[in-house]
Structure formats: C-alpha cells, structure tokens
Amino acid sequence: MSDRNKPHNGRDKSGHFKVRQVDLDELRTEPNGEEYIRDDVRLGGAVEDVGTYGHTHGKKVEELIEKNRDETKSE
C-alpha cells in the first residue's frame, strides 16, 4: 500500500496529467478540430475540457445520465 495520502488529481507518478487537456470550444472552431478531437479520444481514451465553459458540458452529461436512470428504472 502506498504511503501517499494526497489525491493524485489525474496525474501520473512523474507529475504529468494522464488525460489530454484542451479547450474544446476553441478547438471545435478550427477547420480540422472535430477530427482532431475524435482521433484523440479514439487513441487516448479521453480529453478534458479546460475551457471557460467546460463545466457546463459535464453538467449536461450528468443530467442525461440521471434522466436515463429515471427512464430505465424497473419497478
């Protein structure tokens, strides 16, 4: 077991972030931005949105998950 008590905050042991961090709103406005994001997710598995309104995308996904749970809930 590790002696480290601090959270890693998405970093690996060398201190670098494991997930690629980009401003998705800015990247989507570039000519090949959509393809770049798609390839990055396909190859790397995830992209973190660090833009100004990045948190709103996560809240929308959270709402969709809750809505899906309510709709698929068996009684």
N, C-alpha and C. Protein backbone atom coordinates (compact mmCIF):
# COMPACT_ATOMS: atom_id res chain seq x y z
N MET A 1 0.84 -1.18 0.00
CA MET A 1 0.00 0.00 0.00
C MET A 1 0.89 1.24 0.00
N SER A 2 0.44 2.24 -0.66
CA SER A 2 1.22 3.46 -0.80
C SER A 2 1.14 4.32 0.45
N ASP A 3 2.22 5.03 0.75
CA ASP A 3 2.23 5.95 1.89
C ASP A 3 1.68 7.33 1.51
N ARG A 4 1.43 7.52 0.25
CA ARG A 4 0.97 8.82 -0.23
C ARG A 4 -0.49 9.02 0.17
N ASN A 5 -0.78 10.12 0.85
CA ASN A 5 -2.15 10.40 1.31
C ASN A 5 -2.83 11.50 0.51
N LYS A 6 -2.11 12.13 -0.39
CA LYS A 6 -2.68 13.22 -1.18
C LYS A 6 -3.36 12.68 -2.43
N PRO A 7 -4.42 13.31 -2.91
CA PRO A 7 -5.04 12.87 -4.15
C PRO A 7 -4.12 13.16 -5.34
N HIS A 8 -4.21 12.34 -6.35
CA HIS A 8 -3.32 12.50 -7.50
C HIS A 8 -3.84 13.51 -8.50
N ASN A 9 -5.11 13.88 -8.46
CA ASN A 9 -5.71 14.87 -9.35
C ASN A 9 -5.46 14.57 -10.82
N GLY A 10 -5.50 13.30 -11.20
CA GLY A 10 -5.35 12.90 -12.59
C GLY A 10 -3.93 12.89 -13.09
N ARG A 11 -2.96 12.94 -12.20
CA ARG A 11 -1.55 12.97 -12.61
C ARG A 11 -0.92 11.59 -12.43
N ASP A 12 0.07 11.31 -13.26
CA ASP A 12 0.83 10.08 -13.09
C ASP A 12 1.98 10.33 -12.12
N LYS A 13 2.82 9.34 -11.91
CA LYS A 13 3.89 9.47 -10.91
C LYS A 13 4.92 10.54 -11.25
N SER A 14 5.07 10.86 -12.53
CA SER A 14 6.03 11.89 -12.92
C SER A 14 5.46 13.30 -12.80
N GLY A 15 4.17 13.42 -12.44
CA GLY A 15 3.55 14.72 -12.25
C GLY A 15 2.82 15.25 -13.47
N HIS A 16 2.83 14.51 -14.55
CA HIS A 16 2.13 14.93 -15.76
C HIS A 16 0.69 14.43 -15.73
N PHE A 17 -0.21 15.18 -16.36
CA PHE A 17 -1.60 14.77 -16.42
C PHE A 17 -1.72 13.56 -17.35
N LYS A 18 -2.55 12.60 -16.95
CA LYS A 18 -2.78 11.40 -17.75
C LYS A 18 -3.70 11.71 -18.92
N VAL A 19 -4.60 12.62 -18.74
CA VAL A 19 -5.60 12.95 -19.74
C VAL A 19 -5.20 14.23 -20.45
N ARG A 20 -5.33 14.25 -21.75
CA ARG A 20 -5.01 15.43 -22.54
C ARG A 20 -5.99 16.55 -22.19
N GLN A 21 -5.48 17.74 -21.94
CA GLN A 21 -6.31 18.87 -21.56
C GLN A 21 -6.34 19.89 -22.69
N VAL A 22 -7.53 20.20 -23.18
CA VAL A 22 -7.70 21.16 -24.27
C VAL A 22 -8.96 21.99 -24.03
N ASP A 23 -9.04 23.13 -24.69
CA ASP A 23 -10.25 23.94 -24.69
C ASP A 23 -11.09 23.47 -25.87
N LEU A 24 -12.12 22.68 -25.61
CA LEU A 24 -12.89 22.07 -26.69
C LEU A 24 -13.64 23.10 -27.53
N ASP A 25 -14.15 24.14 -26.91
CA ASP A 25 -14.87 25.16 -27.68
C ASP A 25 -13.95 25.84 -28.68
N GLU A 26 -12.74 26.12 -28.27
CA GLU A 26 -11.76 26.75 -29.17
C GLU A 26 -11.32 25.78 -30.25
N LEU A 27 -11.11 24.52 -29.88
CA LEU A 27 -10.63 23.53 -30.83
C LEU A 27 -11.69 23.21 -31.88
N ARG A 28 -12.96 23.24 -31.49
CA ARG A 28 -14.03 22.93 -32.44
C ARG A 28 -14.18 23.98 -33.52
N THR A 29 -13.73 25.21 -33.28
CA THR A 29 -13.84 26.26 -34.28
C THR A 29 -12.75 26.16 -35.35
N GLU A 30 -11.71 25.38 -35.10
CA GLU A 30 -10.65 25.19 -36.08
C GLU A 30 -11.14 24.27 -37.20
N PRO A 31 -10.56 24.40 -38.40
CA PRO A 31 -11.04 23.61 -39.55
C PRO A 31 -11.05 22.10 -39.31
N ASN A 32 -10.01 21.53 -38.76
CA ASN A 32 -9.94 20.08 -38.53
C ASN A 32 -10.10 19.74 -37.05
N GLY A 33 -10.69 20.63 -36.29
CA GLY A 33 -10.82 20.44 -34.85
C GLY A 33 -11.63 19.24 -34.44
N GLU A 34 -12.78 19.04 -35.12
CA GLU A 34 -13.65 17.90 -34.79
C GLU A 34 -12.92 16.58 -35.02
N GLU A 35 -12.22 16.47 -36.13
CA GLU A 35 -11.47 15.24 -36.42
C GLU A 35 -10.34 15.04 -35.41
N TYR A 36 -9.69 16.13 -35.03
CA TYR A 36 -8.61 16.06 -34.05
C TYR A 36 -9.11 15.52 -32.72
N ILE A 37 -10.24 16.02 -32.26
CA ILE A 37 -10.83 15.56 -31.00
C ILE A 37 -11.21 14.09 -31.12
N ARG A 38 -11.85 13.73 -32.22
CA ARG A 38 -12.30 12.35 -32.44
C ARG A 38 -11.11 11.39 -32.41
N ASP A 39 -10.02 11.74 -33.11
CA ASP A 39 -8.84 10.89 -33.13
C ASP A 39 -8.19 10.82 -31.75
N ASP A 40 -8.15 11.96 -31.05
CA ASP A 40 -7.53 11.99 -29.73
C ASP A 40 -8.28 11.09 -28.75
N VAL A 41 -9.60 11.11 -28.81
CA VAL A 41 -10.40 10.26 -27.92
C VAL A 41 -10.25 8.81 -28.32
N ARG A 42 -10.22 8.54 -29.61
CA ARG A 42 -10.08 7.16 -30.09
C ARG A 42 -8.74 6.58 -29.66
N LEU A 43 -7.68 7.35 -29.78
CA LEU A 43 -6.35 6.85 -29.46
C LEU A 43 -6.02 6.94 -27.97
N GLY A 44 -6.41 8.03 -27.33
CA GLY A 44 -6.02 8.25 -25.94
C GLY A 44 -7.08 7.89 -24.93
N GLY A 45 -8.34 7.84 -25.34
CA GLY A 45 -9.40 7.44 -24.44
C GLY A 45 -10.18 8.58 -23.82
N ALA A 46 -9.58 9.75 -23.66
CA ALA A 46 -10.30 10.84 -23.02
C ALA A 46 -9.63 12.18 -23.33
N VAL A 47 -10.44 13.22 -23.25
CA VAL A 47 -9.95 14.59 -23.38
C VAL A 47 -10.68 15.41 -22.33
N GLU A 48 -9.94 16.18 -21.57
CA GLU A 48 -10.54 17.02 -20.54
C GLU A 48 -10.72 18.43 -21.08
N ASP A 49 -11.93 18.97 -20.94
CA ASP A 49 -12.22 20.32 -21.40
C ASP A 49 -11.85 21.30 -20.30
N VAL A 50 -10.84 22.12 -20.56
CA VAL A 50 -10.37 23.09 -19.57
C VAL A 50 -10.76 24.52 -19.96
N GLY A 51 -11.70 24.63 -20.89
CA GLY A 51 -12.14 25.94 -21.34
C GLY A 51 -12.99 26.65 -20.31
N THR A 52 -13.38 27.86 -20.64
CA THR A 52 -14.16 28.69 -19.73
C THR A 52 -15.49 28.04 -19.36
N TYR A 53 -16.15 27.44 -20.32
CA TYR A 53 -17.46 26.83 -20.06
C TYR A 53 -17.41 25.31 -20.10
N GLY A 54 -16.26 24.74 -19.81
CA GLY A 54 -16.09 23.29 -19.83
C GLY A 54 -16.97 22.56 -18.85
N HIS A 55 -17.22 23.17 -17.71
CA HIS A 55 -18.04 22.51 -16.69
C HIS A 55 -19.49 22.35 -17.13
N THR A 56 -19.97 23.18 -18.03
CA THR A 56 -21.37 23.08 -18.46
C THR A 56 -21.61 21.81 -19.26
N HIS A 57 -20.60 21.36 -20.01
CA HIS A 57 -20.75 20.13 -20.78
C HIS A 57 -20.88 18.94 -19.83
N GLY A 58 -20.12 18.94 -18.76
CA GLY A 58 -20.20 17.86 -17.77
C GLY A 58 -21.54 17.84 -17.06
N LYS A 59 -22.07 19.00 -16.77
CA LYS A 59 -23.38 19.06 -16.12
C LYS A 59 -24.47 18.52 -17.03
N LYS A 60 -24.37 18.80 -18.33
CA LYS A 60 -25.34 18.29 -19.29
C LYS A 60 -25.29 16.77 -19.34
N VAL A 61 -24.09 16.20 -19.34
CA VAL A 61 -23.94 14.75 -19.35
C VAL A 61 -24.51 14.16 -18.08
N GLU A 62 -24.27 14.81 -16.95
CA GLU A 62 -24.81 14.34 -15.67
C GLU A 62 -26.33 14.32 -15.69
N GLU A 63 -26.93 15.36 -16.26
CA GLU A 63 -28.40 15.42 -16.37
C GLU A 63 -28.93 14.30 -17.26
N LEU A 64 -28.23 14.02 -18.36
CA LEU A 64 -28.65 12.94 -19.26
C LEU A 64 -28.56 11.57 -18.57
N ILE A 65 -27.54 11.38 -17.76
CA ILE A 65 -27.39 10.11 -17.03
C ILE A 65 -28.53 9.94 -16.05
N GLU A 66 -28.84 10.99 -15.30
CA GLU A 66 -29.95 10.91 -14.33
C GLU A 66 -31.28 10.67 -15.04
N LYS A 67 -31.49 11.33 -16.16
CA LYS A 67 -32.73 11.14 -16.92
C LYS A 67 -32.83 9.70 -17.40
N ASN A 68 -31.72 9.15 -17.87
CA ASN A 68 -31.70 7.77 -18.34
C ASN A 68 -32.00 6.80 -17.19
N ARG A 69 -31.44 7.07 -16.01
CA ARG A 69 -31.72 6.21 -14.85
C ARG A 69 -33.20 6.21 -14.51
N ASP A 70 -33.80 7.40 -14.55
CA ASP A 70 -35.23 7.50 -14.23
C ASP A 70 -36.08 6.77 -15.26
N GLU A 71 -35.72 6.88 -16.53
CA GLU A 71 -36.50 6.25 -17.59
C GLU A 71 -36.33 4.75 -17.62
N THR A 72 -35.19 4.24 -17.23
CA THR A 72 -34.93 2.80 -17.31
C THR A 72 -35.13 2.09 -15.96
N LYS A 73 -35.54 2.82 -14.96
CA LYS A 73 -35.72 2.26 -13.62
C LYS A 73 -36.84 1.23 -13.65
N SER A 74 -36.54 0.02 -13.18
CA SER A 74 -37.57 -1.04 -13.15
C SER A 74 -38.28 -0.99 -11.80
N GLU A 75 -39.54 -1.21 -11.87
CA GLU A 75 -40.35 -1.14 -10.64
C GLU A 75 -40.74 -2.48 -10.14
